[in-house]
Amino acid sequence: MRCRIARTLARPLVLAVAAAAIPLVSAAPVAADSIVVGGFPVDVSEAPWTVALASRDRFGGTRAGQFCGGAAVGPTTVLTAAHCLAEDVLGAPPDRVRDLKVIQGRTDLLSGRGREIPVRDTWVNPDYDGVSNAGDFAVLTLAAELPQGSVIGMAGAGDATYEPGVGAMVFGWGDTTGSGDYTRGLRAARVHVLPDARCEEAYPGSSEGTYLAATMLCAGEEEGHRDACQGDSGGPLVAQGKLIGLVSWGSGCGRAGSPGVYTRVSAVLRTLGRDGVRDPRPGA
């Protein structure tokens, strides 16, 4: 399934270490003209809160070390997926990765635009469950402040943006076809929030993961085609100008009947308050 880093087949969607040199192959390739999978190129100025997580020491310089995405929710605060910071991804605990950075303000990963800001501190949700994929989020504290206007607000519980049928956009630098074709440029795809029942049917509980509506959000298209993919993990799902989800997992990329699963941001806010971690909302 896809934990969209390398989004494994049951995917958390992280970019695998090997992908720096060897493309990953998905079980079900999608059309070759897809981007993010079924998306289109965007300039980062259209989504300035979208950032890339990078470590050249771990992932090489081919794509500036990018391996995951994130969303800036405070001047020095970025949300991403917990599985992005797993030791088997980074090769060490995140606090021991010397060159862990956030790339901000850069559309093309290999351009000189924007900034590369070191990560000063990391907090991984202690309740993250790698079996069900529940609680898949982490908080990064940056060593320097982001530019004004590069922060996005988050949708709390009961917000209308979580309603089925609401249009949303997912952003990332991940696989554009489901066949290991990684992009240098930022991409976006239009999707819709789907009923929880749709993902409960698709992911009732298996080695791929279990859809849990209290902490997860279902989004995509009934016919497939538009989706996040490997390398997009932790990136933002945005509706009506608010952050509603973080790319987390799913089965394949853009498959009909296998919608994308996102960490529900309202659950992130609830957890952060419970655990005493500073609420990352601007002004909180």
C-alpha atoms as a PDB file:
ATOM      1  CA  MET A   1       0.000   0.000   0.000  1.00  0.00           C
ATOM      2  CA  ARG A   2       1.214   3.376  -0.197  1.00  0.00           C
ATOM      3  CA  CYS A   3       2.700   5.208   2.605  1.00  0.00           C
ATOM      4  CA  ARG A   4       3.620   7.784   0.230  1.00  0.00           C
ATOM      5  CA  ILE A   5       7.273   8.181   0.765  1.00  0.00           C
ATOM      6  CA  ALA A   6       8.074   5.334  -1.174  1.00  0.00           C
ATOM      7  CA  ARG A   7       4.582   4.498  -0.801  1.00  0.00           C
ATOM      8  CA  THR A   8       5.172   0.855  -0.320  1.00  0.00           C
ATOM      9  CA  LEU A   9       2.691  -1.329  -2.123  1.00  0.00           C
ATOM     10  CA  ALA A  10       0.382  -0.885   0.815  1.00  0.00           C
ATOM     11  CA  ARG A  11       1.725   2.468   0.792  1.00  0.00           C
ATOM     12  CA  PRO A  12       2.939   4.888   3.195  1.00  0.00           C
ATOM     13  CA  LEU A  13       4.040   7.262   0.428  1.00  0.00           C
ATOM     14  CA  VAL A  14       7.695   7.949   1.115  1.00  0.00           C
ATOM     15  CA  LEU A  15      10.427   8.094  -1.477  1.00  0.00           C
ATOM     16  CA  ALA A  16      12.594   5.025  -0.936  1.00  0.00           C
ATOM     17  CA  VAL A  17      16.327   5.451  -0.488  1.00  0.00           C
ATOM     18  CA  ALA A  18      16.939   3.405  -3.605  1.00  0.00           C
ATOM     19  CA  ALA A  19      14.724   5.726  -5.622  1.00  0.00           C
ATOM     20  CA  ALA A  20      17.508   8.293  -5.654  1.00  0.00           C
ATOM     21  CA  ALA A  21      19.127   6.070  -8.253  1.00  0.00           C
ATOM     22  CA  ILE A  22      16.645   3.294  -9.107  1.00  0.00           C
ATOM     23  CA  PRO A  23      12.977   3.980  -9.932  1.00  0.00           C
ATOM     24  CA  LEU A  24      10.308   2.207  -7.910  1.00  0.00           C
ATOM     25  CA  VAL A  25       7.724   0.162  -9.714  1.00  0.00           C
ATOM     26  CA  SER A  26       4.091   0.213  -8.637  1.00  0.00           C
ATOM     27  CA  ALA A  27       1.807  -2.767  -9.018  1.00  0.00           C
ATOM     28  CA  ALA A  28      -0.516  -0.809 -11.322  1.00  0.00           C
ATOM     29  CA  PRO A  29       0.987   1.894 -13.555  1.00  0.00           C
ATOM     30  CA  VAL A  30      -1.284   4.766 -14.523  1.00  0.00           C
ATOM     31  CA  ALA A  31      -1.389   6.853 -17.697  1.00  0.00           C
ATOM     32  CA  ALA A  32       1.998   8.286 -18.628  1.00  0.00           C
ATOM     33  CA  ASP A  33       0.698  11.851 -18.826  1.00  0.00           C
ATOM     34  CA  SER A  34      -0.394  11.896 -15.201  1.00  0.00           C
ATOM     35  CA  ILE A  35       1.295  14.085 -12.633  1.00  0.00           C
ATOM     36  CA  VAL A  36       1.150  13.724  -8.884  1.00  0.00           C
ATOM     37  CA  VAL A  37      -0.985  11.153 -10.741  1.00  0.00           C
ATOM     38  CA  GLY A  38      -3.667  12.819 -12.778  1.00  0.00           C
ATOM     39  CA  GLY A  39      -2.521  16.344 -11.960  1.00  0.00           C
ATOM     40  CA  PHE A  40      -0.731  19.352 -13.398  1.00  0.00           C
ATOM     41  CA  PRO A  41       2.309  21.551 -12.682  1.00  0.00           C
ATOM     42  CA  VAL A  42       1.950  24.493 -10.297  1.00  0.00           C
ATOM     43  CA  ASP A  43       4.284  27.210  -9.105  1.00  0.00           C
ATOM     44  CA  VAL A  44       5.026  27.105  -5.402  1.00  0.00           C
ATOM     45  CA  SER A  45       3.802  30.715  -5.143  1.00  0.00           C
ATOM     46  CA  GLU A  46       0.287  29.280  -5.621  1.00  0.00           C
ATOM     47  CA  ALA A  47       0.785  27.034  -2.572  1.00  0.00           C
ATOM     48  CA  PRO A  48       3.574  28.686  -0.540  1.00  0.00           C
ATOM     49  CA  TRP A  49       2.870  26.518   2.514  1.00  0.00           C
ATOM     50  CA  THR A  50       3.851  23.368   0.570  1.00  0.00           C
ATOM     51  CA  VAL A  51       7.397  22.332   1.508  1.00  0.00           C
ATOM     52  CA  ALA A  52       9.735  19.465   0.701  1.00  0.00           C
ATOM     53  CA  LEU A  53      11.592  17.401   3.292  1.00  0.00           C
ATOM     54  CA  ALA A  54      15.149  16.672   2.236  1.00  0.00           C
ATOM     55  CA  SER A  55      18.320  14.864   3.274  1.00  0.00           C
ATOM     56  CA  ARG A  56      21.075  14.703   0.674  1.00  0.00           C
ATOM     57  CA  ASP A  57      23.169  12.469   2.917  1.00  0.00           C
ATOM     58  CA  ARG A  58      20.412   9.858   2.863  1.00  0.00           C
ATOM     59  CA  PHE A  59      18.709  10.324  -0.522  1.00  0.00           C
ATOM     60  CA  GLY A  60      21.410  11.876  -2.701  1.00  0.00           C
ATOM     61  CA  GLY A  61      21.431  15.105  -4.671  1.00  0.00           C
ATOM     62  CA  THR A  62      19.489  14.009  -7.756  1.00  0.00           C
ATOM     63  CA  ARG A  63      16.322  15.672  -6.424  1.00  0.00           C
ATOM     64  CA  ALA A  64      17.984  17.857  -3.772  1.00  0.00           C
ATOM     65  CA  GLY A  65      17.504  15.028  -1.283  1.00  0.00           C
ATOM     66  CA  GLN A  66      13.682  15.296  -1.348  1.00  0.00           C
ATOM     67  CA  PHE A  67      11.876  12.301   0.117  1.00  0.00           C
ATOM     68  CA  CYS A  68       8.583  13.633   1.581  1.00  0.00           C
ATOM     69  CA  GLY A  69       6.358  16.681   1.674  1.00  0.00           C
ATOM     70  CA  GLY A  70       4.981  18.843   4.443  1.00  0.00           C
ATOM     71  CA  ALA A  71       2.694  21.770   5.203  1.00  0.00           C
ATOM     72  CA  ALA A  72       3.795  24.939   6.985  1.00  0.00           C
ATOM     73  CA  VAL A  73       1.230  25.710   9.690  1.00  0.00           C
ATOM     74  CA  GLY A  74       3.238  28.217  11.732  1.00  0.00           C
ATOM     75  CA  PRO A  75       6.274  30.512  11.219  1.00  0.00           C
ATOM     76  CA  THR A  76       8.607  27.730  12.392  1.00  0.00           C
ATOM     77  CA  THR A  77       6.217  24.762  12.348  1.00  0.00           C
ATOM     78  CA  VAL A  78       5.702  22.130   9.640  1.00  0.00           C
ATOM     79  CA  LEU A  79       3.351  19.142   9.735  1.00  0.00           C
ATOM     80  CA  THR A  80       4.331  15.964   7.909  1.00  0.00           C
ATOM     81  CA  ALA A  81       3.665  12.218   8.088  1.00  0.00           C
ATOM     82  CA  ALA A  82       5.052  10.220  11.008  1.00  0.00           C
ATOM     83  CA  HIS A  83       6.229   7.469   8.688  1.00  0.00           C
ATOM     84  CA  CYS A  84       8.465   9.992   6.912  1.00  0.00           C
ATOM     85  CA  LEU A  85      10.606  10.167  10.051  1.00  0.00           C
ATOM     86  CA  ALA A  86      10.823   6.433  10.685  1.00  0.00           C
ATOM     87  CA  GLU A  87      14.311   5.075  11.321  1.00  0.00           C
ATOM     88  CA  ASP A  88      14.053   2.657   8.406  1.00  0.00           C
ATOM     89  CA  VAL A  89      13.414   5.636   6.134  1.00  0.00           C
ATOM     90  CA  LEU A  90      16.051   8.030   7.498  1.00  0.00           C
ATOM     91  CA  GLY A  91      18.601   5.441   8.526  1.00  0.00           C
ATOM     92  CA  ALA A  92      18.674   6.876  12.055  1.00  0.00           C
ATOM     93  CA  PRO A  93      16.352   8.560  14.535  1.00  0.00           C
ATOM     94  CA  PRO A  94      15.335  11.967  13.114  1.00  0.00           C
ATOM     95  CA  ASP A  95      17.238  13.890  15.778  1.00  0.00           C
ATOM     96  CA  ARG A  96      20.448  12.236  14.553  1.00  0.00           C
ATOM     97  CA  VAL A  97      20.019  13.126  10.880  1.00  0.00           C
ATOM     98  CA  ARG A  98      22.468  15.999  10.559  1.00  0.00           C
ATOM     99  CA  ASP A  99      21.244  17.421   7.273  1.00  0.00           C
ATOM    100  CA  LEU A 100      17.456  17.095   7.689  1.00  0.00           C
ATOM    101  CA  LYS A 101      16.013  20.226   6.065  1.00  0.00           C
ATOM    102  CA  VAL A 102      12.815  21.748   4.782  1.00  0.00           C
ATOM    103  CA  ILE A 103      12.926  23.266   1.295  1.00  0.00           C
ATOM    104  CA  GLN A 104      10.574  26.244   1.089  1.00  0.00           C
ATOM    105  CA  GLY A 105       9.675  28.489  -1.838  1.00  0.00           C
ATOM    106  CA  ARG A 106      11.123  26.231  -4.546  1.00  0.00           C
ATOM    107  CA  THR A 107       9.040  24.893  -7.443  1.00  0.00           C
ATOM    108  CA  ASP A 108      11.884  23.051  -9.210  1.00  0.00           C
ATOM    109  CA  LEU A 109      13.850  21.048  -6.659  1.00  0.00           C
ATOM    110  CA  LEU A 110      17.099  21.655  -8.553  1.00  0.00           C
ATOM    111  CA  SER A 111      16.718  25.417  -8.909  1.00  0.00           C
ATOM    112  CA  GLY A 112      18.374  27.927  -6.615  1.00  0.00           C
ATOM    113  CA  ARG A 113      15.060  29.471  -5.666  1.00  0.00           C
ATOM    114  CA  GLY A 114      13.723  29.555  -2.115  1.00  0.00           C
ATOM    115  CA  ARG A 115      15.447  28.447   1.065  1.00  0.00           C
ATOM    116  CA  GLU A 116      16.703  25.258   2.664  1.00  0.00           C
ATOM    117  CA  ILE A 117      15.991  25.572   6.379  1.00  0.00           C
ATOM    118  CA  PRO A 118      17.475  23.122   8.894  1.00  0.00           C
ATOM    119  CA  VAL A 119      15.082  21.241  11.151  1.00  0.00           C
ATOM    120  CA  ARG A 120      15.826  22.160  14.772  1.00  0.00           C
ATOM    121  CA  ASP A 121      13.514  19.677  16.471  1.00  0.00           C
ATOM    122  CA  THR A 122      11.137  16.833  15.626  1.00  0.00           C
ATOM    123  CA  TRP A 123       8.101  15.429  17.435  1.00  0.00           C
ATOM    124  CA  VAL A 124       6.576  12.193  16.162  1.00  0.00           C
ATOM    125  CA  ASN A 125       3.084  11.272  17.341  1.00  0.00           C
ATOM    126  CA  PRO A 126       3.718   8.572  19.967  1.00  0.00           C
ATOM    127  CA  ASP A 127       0.363   6.994  19.104  1.00  0.00           C
ATOM    128  CA  TYR A 128       1.284   6.430  15.453  1.00  0.00           C
ATOM    129  CA  ASP A 129       0.446   2.826  14.557  1.00  0.00           C
ATOM    130  CA  GLY A 130       2.375   1.504  11.583  1.00  0.00           C
ATOM    131  CA  VAL A 131       0.018  -1.464  11.241  1.00  0.00           C
ATOM    132  CA  SER A 132      -3.285   0.396  10.869  1.00  0.00           C
ATOM    133  CA  ASN A 133      -1.517   3.648   9.760  1.00  0.00           C
ATOM    134  CA  ALA A 134      -3.511   5.571  12.401  1.00  0.00           C
ATOM    135  CA  GLY A 135      -2.079   8.790  13.828  1.00  0.00           C
ATOM    136  CA  ASP A 136       0.321   9.305  10.925  1.00  0.00           C
ATOM    137  CA  PHE A 137       1.691  12.772  11.635  1.00  0.00           C
ATOM    138  CA  ALA A 138       4.740  14.521  13.034  1.00  0.00           C
ATOM    139  CA  VAL A 139       5.703  18.112  13.874  1.00  0.00           C
ATOM    140  CA  LEU A 140       8.936  19.731  12.674  1.00  0.00           C
ATOM    141  CA  THR A 141      10.323  22.855  14.334  1.00  0.00           C
ATOM    142  CA  LEU A 142      12.516  24.909  12.012  1.00  0.00           C
ATOM    143  CA  ALA A 143      15.724  26.718  12.857  1.00  0.00           C
ATOM    144  CA  ALA A 144      14.517  29.899  11.118  1.00  0.00           C
ATOM    145  CA  GLU A 145      11.161  31.517  10.457  1.00  0.00           C
ATOM    146  CA  LEU A 146       9.347  31.099   7.177  1.00  0.00           C
ATOM    147  CA  PRO A 147       8.417  34.177   5.148  1.00  0.00           C
ATOM    148  CA  GLN A 148       5.191  35.935   6.010  1.00  0.00           C
ATOM    149  CA  GLY A 149       2.260  34.568   4.033  1.00  0.00           C
ATOM    150  CA  SER A 150       3.686  31.063   3.675  1.00  0.00           C
ATOM    151  CA  VAL A 151       1.540  29.531   6.428  1.00  0.00           C
ATOM    152  CA  ILE A 152      -1.818  27.799   5.947  1.00  0.00           C
ATOM    153  CA  GLY A 153      -4.681  27.580   8.443  1.00  0.00           C
ATOM    154  CA  MET A 154      -6.056  24.231   9.547  1.00  0.00           C
ATOM    155  CA  ALA A 155      -9.649  23.025   9.503  1.00  0.00           C
ATOM    156  CA  GLY A 156     -10.919  22.003  12.925  1.00  0.00           C
ATOM    157  CA  ALA A 157     -13.533  19.438  13.822  1.00  0.00           C
ATOM    158  CA  GLY A 158     -16.930  20.071  12.266  1.00  0.00           C
ATOM    159  CA  ASP A 159     -15.557  22.242   9.467  1.00  0.00           C
ATOM    160  CA  ALA A 160     -17.614  21.967   6.264  1.00  0.00           C
ATOM    161  CA  THR A 161     -14.465  21.174   4.260  1.00  0.00           C
ATOM    162  CA  TYR A 162     -14.581  17.594   5.567  1.00  0.00           C
ATOM    163  CA  GLU A 163     -17.987  16.949   3.995  1.00  0.00           C
ATOM    164  CA  PRO A 164     -18.162  14.373   1.164  1.00  0.00           C
ATOM    165  CA  GLY A 165     -18.140  15.978  -2.269  1.00  0.00           C
ATOM    166  CA  VAL A 166     -15.998  18.962  -1.298  1.00  0.00           C
ATOM    167  CA  GLY A 167     -13.320  19.686  -3.899  1.00  0.00           C
ATOM    168  CA  ALA A 168      -9.715  19.616  -2.713  1.00  0.00           C
ATOM    169  CA  MET A 169      -6.171  19.704  -4.076  1.00  0.00           C
ATOM    170  CA  VAL A 170      -3.160  17.610  -3.121  1.00  0.00           C
ATOM    171  CA  PHE A 171       0.390  18.862  -3.720  1.00  0.00           C
ATOM    172  CA  GLY A 172       3.761  17.122  -4.016  1.00  0.00           C
ATOM    173  CA  TRP A 173       6.962  16.244  -5.844  1.00  0.00           C
ATOM    174  CA  GLY A 174       6.322  12.498  -5.945  1.00  0.00           C
ATOM    175  CA  ASP A 175       5.863   9.801  -8.573  1.00  0.00           C
ATOM    176  CA  THR A 176       3.827  11.102 -11.507  1.00  0.00           C
ATOM    177  CA  THR A 177       2.760   7.811 -13.110  1.00  0.00           C
ATOM    178  CA  GLY A 178       2.852   5.094 -10.477  1.00  0.00           C
ATOM    179  CA  SER A 179       5.887   3.654 -12.275  1.00  0.00           C
ATOM    180  CA  GLY A 180       8.707   5.473 -10.501  1.00  0.00           C
ATOM    181  CA  ASP A 181       8.712   8.657 -12.626  1.00  0.00           C
ATOM    182  CA  TYR A 182       9.653  11.285 -10.049  1.00  0.00           C
ATOM    183  CA  THR A 183       9.202  14.940 -10.876  1.00  0.00           C
ATOM    184  CA  ARG A 184      11.543  17.840 -10.161  1.00  0.00           C
ATOM    185  CA  GLY A 185       8.675  20.314 -10.243  1.00  0.00           C
ATOM    186  CA  LEU A 186       5.789  20.771  -7.841  1.00  0.00           C
ATOM    187  CA  ARG A 187       2.519  19.199  -8.989  1.00  0.00           C
ATOM    188  CA  ALA A 188      -1.081  19.303  -7.844  1.00  0.00           C
ATOM    189  CA  ALA A 189      -4.122  17.109  -8.454  1.00  0.00           C
ATOM    190  CA  ARG A 190      -7.796  17.894  -7.988  1.00  0.00           C
ATOM    191  CA  VAL A 191      -9.696  15.342  -5.924  1.00  0.00           C
ATOM    192  CA  HIS A 192     -12.896  15.200  -3.895  1.00  0.00           C
ATOM    193  CA  VAL A 193     -13.515  14.299  -0.281  1.00  0.00           C
ATOM    194  CA  LEU A 194     -15.222  10.898  -0.346  1.00  0.00           C
ATOM    195  CA  PRO A 195     -17.613   9.350   2.189  1.00  0.00           C
ATOM    196  CA  ASP A 196     -15.907   7.496   5.019  1.00  0.00           C
ATOM    197  CA  ALA A 197     -17.903   4.436   4.030  1.00  0.00           C
ATOM    198  CA  ARG A 198     -16.083   4.414   0.695  1.00  0.00           C
ATOM    199  CA  CYS A 199     -12.686   3.987   2.342  1.00  0.00           C
ATOM    200  CA  GLU A 200     -14.047   1.634   5.010  1.00  0.00           C
ATOM    201  CA  GLU A 201     -15.166  -0.615   2.165  1.00  0.00           C
ATOM    202  CA  ALA A 202     -11.823  -0.325   0.359  1.00  0.00           C
ATOM    203  CA  TYR A 203      -9.678  -0.797   3.476  1.00  0.00           C
ATOM    204  CA  PRO A 204     -11.623  -2.875   6.024  1.00  0.00           C
ATOM    205  CA  GLY A 205      -8.462  -4.127   7.709  1.00  0.00           C
ATOM    206  CA  SER A 206      -5.557  -6.115   6.281  1.00  0.00           C
ATOM    207  CA  SER A 207      -1.790  -5.974   5.941  1.00  0.00           C
ATOM    208  CA  GLU A 208      -2.325  -2.812   3.904  1.00  0.00           C
ATOM    209  CA  GLY A 209      -3.901  -0.901   6.755  1.00  0.00           C
ATOM    210  CA  THR A 210      -7.299  -0.109   8.244  1.00  0.00           C
ATOM    211  CA  TYR A 211      -9.382   2.964   7.472  1.00  0.00           C
ATOM    212  CA  LEU A 212     -10.361   4.680  10.725  1.00  0.00           C
ATOM    213  CA  ALA A 213     -12.649   7.641  10.152  1.00  0.00           C
ATOM    214  CA  ALA A 214     -11.809   9.307  13.465  1.00  0.00           C
ATOM    215  CA  THR A 215      -8.204   9.947  12.402  1.00  0.00           C
ATOM    216  CA  MET A 216      -8.251   9.497   8.630  1.00  0.00           C
ATOM    217  CA  LEU A 217      -9.798  11.227   5.629  1.00  0.00           C
ATOM    218  CA  CYS A 218     -10.755   9.616   2.322  1.00  0.00           C
ATOM    219  CA  ALA A 219     -10.199  11.548  -0.928  1.00  0.00           C
ATOM    220  CA  GLY A 220      -9.860  10.849  -4.621  1.00  0.00           C
ATOM    221  CA  GLU A 221     -12.175  10.077  -7.522  1.00  0.00           C
ATOM    222  CA  GLU A 222     -14.515   7.111  -7.862  1.00  0.00           C
ATOM    223  CA  GLU A 223     -12.916   6.182 -11.195  1.00  0.00           C
ATOM    224  CA  GLY A 224      -9.380   6.637  -9.866  1.00  0.00           C
ATOM    225  CA  HIS A 225      -6.711   8.397 -11.993  1.00  0.00           C
ATOM    226  CA  ARG A 226      -6.133  11.354  -9.619  1.00  0.00           C
ATOM    227  CA  ASP A 227      -4.128  10.638  -6.510  1.00  0.00           C
ATOM    228  CA  ALA A 228      -0.968  11.175  -4.502  1.00  0.00           C
ATOM    229  CA  CYS A 229       1.836   8.651  -4.951  1.00  0.00           C
ATOM    230  CA  GLN A 230       5.300   7.671  -3.672  1.00  0.00           C
ATOM    231  CA  GLY A 231       7.306  10.678  -2.567  1.00  0.00           C
ATOM    232  CA  ASP A 232       4.182  12.721  -1.712  1.00  0.00           C
ATOM    233  CA  SER A 233       3.878  11.507   1.907  1.00  0.00           C
ATOM    234  CA  GLY A 234       3.225  14.241   4.437  1.00  0.00           C
ATOM    235  CA  GLY A 235       2.173  16.713   1.759  1.00  0.00           C
ATOM    236  CA  PRO A 236      -0.932  18.882   2.060  1.00  0.00           C
ATOM    237  CA  LEU A 237      -4.518  18.197   1.050  1.00  0.00           C
ATOM    238  CA  VAL A 238      -6.226  21.585   0.891  1.00  0.00           C
ATOM    239  CA  ALA A 239      -9.890  22.553   0.540  1.00  0.00           C
ATOM    240  CA  GLN A 240     -11.263  26.093   0.447  1.00  0.00           C
ATOM    241  CA  GLY A 241      -7.932  27.506   1.572  1.00  0.00           C
ATOM    242  CA  LYS A 242      -7.634  25.256   4.629  1.00  0.00           C
ATOM    243  CA  LEU A 243      -5.417  22.273   5.385  1.00  0.00           C
ATOM    244  CA  ILE A 244      -7.643  19.219   5.863  1.00  0.00           C
ATOM    245  CA  GLY A 245      -5.280  16.285   5.304  1.00  0.00           C
ATOM    246  CA  LEU A 246      -1.708  15.022   5.084  1.00  0.00           C
ATOM    247  CA  VAL A 247      -0.808  12.430   2.452  1.00  0.00           C
ATOM    248  CA  SER A 248      -0.557   9.109   4.276  1.00  0.00           C
ATOM    249  CA  TRP A 249      -1.341   5.814   2.522  1.00  0.00           C
ATOM    250  CA  GLY A 250      -3.448   3.803   0.103  1.00  0.00           C
ATOM    251  CA  SER A 251      -3.260   0.898  -2.342  1.00  0.00           C
ATOM    252  CA  GLY A 252      -1.323   1.688  -5.490  1.00  0.00           C
ATOM    253  CA  CYS A 253      -1.622   5.121  -7.113  1.00  0.00           C
ATOM    254  CA  GLY A 254      -4.759   6.315  -8.880  1.00  0.00           C
ATOM    255  CA  ARG A 255      -6.493   2.949  -8.887  1.00  0.00           C
ATOM    256  CA  ALA A 256     -10.265   2.779  -9.188  1.00  0.00           C
ATOM    257  CA  GLY A 257     -11.689   1.460  -5.947  1.00  0.00           C
ATOM    258  CA  SER A 258      -8.567   2.388  -3.934  1.00  0.00           C
ATOM    259  CA  PRO A 259      -8.916   6.024  -2.846  1.00  0.00           C
ATOM    260  CA  GLY A 260      -6.124   7.952  -1.169  1.00  0.00           C
ATOM    261  CA  VAL A 261      -6.102   7.995   2.622  1.00  0.00           C
ATOM    262  CA  TYR A 262      -4.984  11.141   4.435  1.00  0.00           C
ATOM    263  CA  THR A 263      -4.338  11.969   8.067  1.00  0.00           C
ATOM    264  CA  ARG A 264      -7.354  13.995   9.214  1.00  0.00           C
ATOM    265  CA  VAL A 265      -6.071  17.400  10.363  1.00  0.00           C
ATOM    266  CA  SER A 266      -8.847  17.915  12.896  1.00  0.00           C
ATOM    267  CA  ALA A 267      -7.553  14.764  14.645  1.00  0.00           C
ATOM    268  CA  VAL A 268      -4.027  16.220  14.555  1.00  0.00           C
ATOM    269  CA  LEU A 269      -5.251  19.328  16.376  1.00  0.00           C
ATOM    270  CA  ARG A 270      -7.064  17.199  18.922  1.00  0.00           C
ATOM    271  CA  THR A 271      -3.968  15.084  19.589  1.00  0.00           C
ATOM    272  CA  LEU A 272      -1.603  18.035  19.863  1.00  0.00           C
ATOM    273  CA  GLY A 273      -3.812  19.639  22.470  1.00  0.00           C
ATOM    274  CA  ARG A 274      -4.103  16.414  24.435  1.00  0.00           C
ATOM    275  CA  ASP A 275      -0.360  15.737  24.436  1.00  0.00           C
ATOM    276  CA  GLY A 276       0.596  19.242  25.482  1.00  0.00           C
ATOM    277  CA  VAL A 277       2.500  20.010  22.305  1.00  0.00           C
ATOM    278  CA  ARG A 278       2.157  23.639  21.285  1.00  0.00           C
ATOM    279  CA  ASP A 279      -0.842  24.140  19.007  1.00  0.00           C
ATOM    280  CA  PRO A 280       0.779  25.047  15.663  1.00  0.00           C
ATOM    281  CA  ARG A 281      -2.072  27.243  14.455  1.00  0.00           C
ATOM    282  CA  PRO A 282      -0.951  30.831  13.787  1.00  0.00           C
ATOM    283  CA  GLY A 283      -1.517  32.945  16.857  1.00  0.00           C
ATOM    284  CA  ALA A 284      -2.271  29.955  19.088  1.00  0.00           C
END
